[in-house]
């Protein structure tokens, strides 16, 4: 957001978000003059961004930071010191309006689990300090990045890195989960 004049006594008013955190998201942007992430000067206060995929194409820029366009992923991370555990790679979405990430083990396609031809960099790419209890086994113990990360429709991991996956059923459906 930009500063806007309020009146003659207060020519500029700070408009923006502070203390904002962006985590475990896929930002996929296409087209010249567009940004995957745009952070104005005021919004940089306590801003944090990590464990994301920031992918651009067609002349779009990855970010805007310190009043400067950051065209590439390395430009963005170097200027902002954000997204050090993120990726600028193609998220490999299923496509056709389906925003699940691809997995050779299987992703959710219209009600059924289907193997894809590729593995997304978003598989098990989320913040390792966050729980991934809702992802179906095998889930690798770390949430996927994207809209379906840490949900029952999360794409299956390439392989579990934390031993066996177990389904816990406590006789109520409210707290059943995979671990």
Foldseek 3Di string as FASTA:
>chain_A
DAWQQDDPVGGTDDDDAALAEAFLAEQEEEAAPAESEEADPVHLHNYAYELYAQEYYHRYAHYHDPNDTQRAPVSVCVRSVHHPLYYHDDQCAVDPPGRAHAAQVFADDPHDTDHDPDGGPQQLSGDLVDALFADDPPRQRHFGGHDCTSHPRHTYHNDHPPPDKDWDDPPDPPDITID
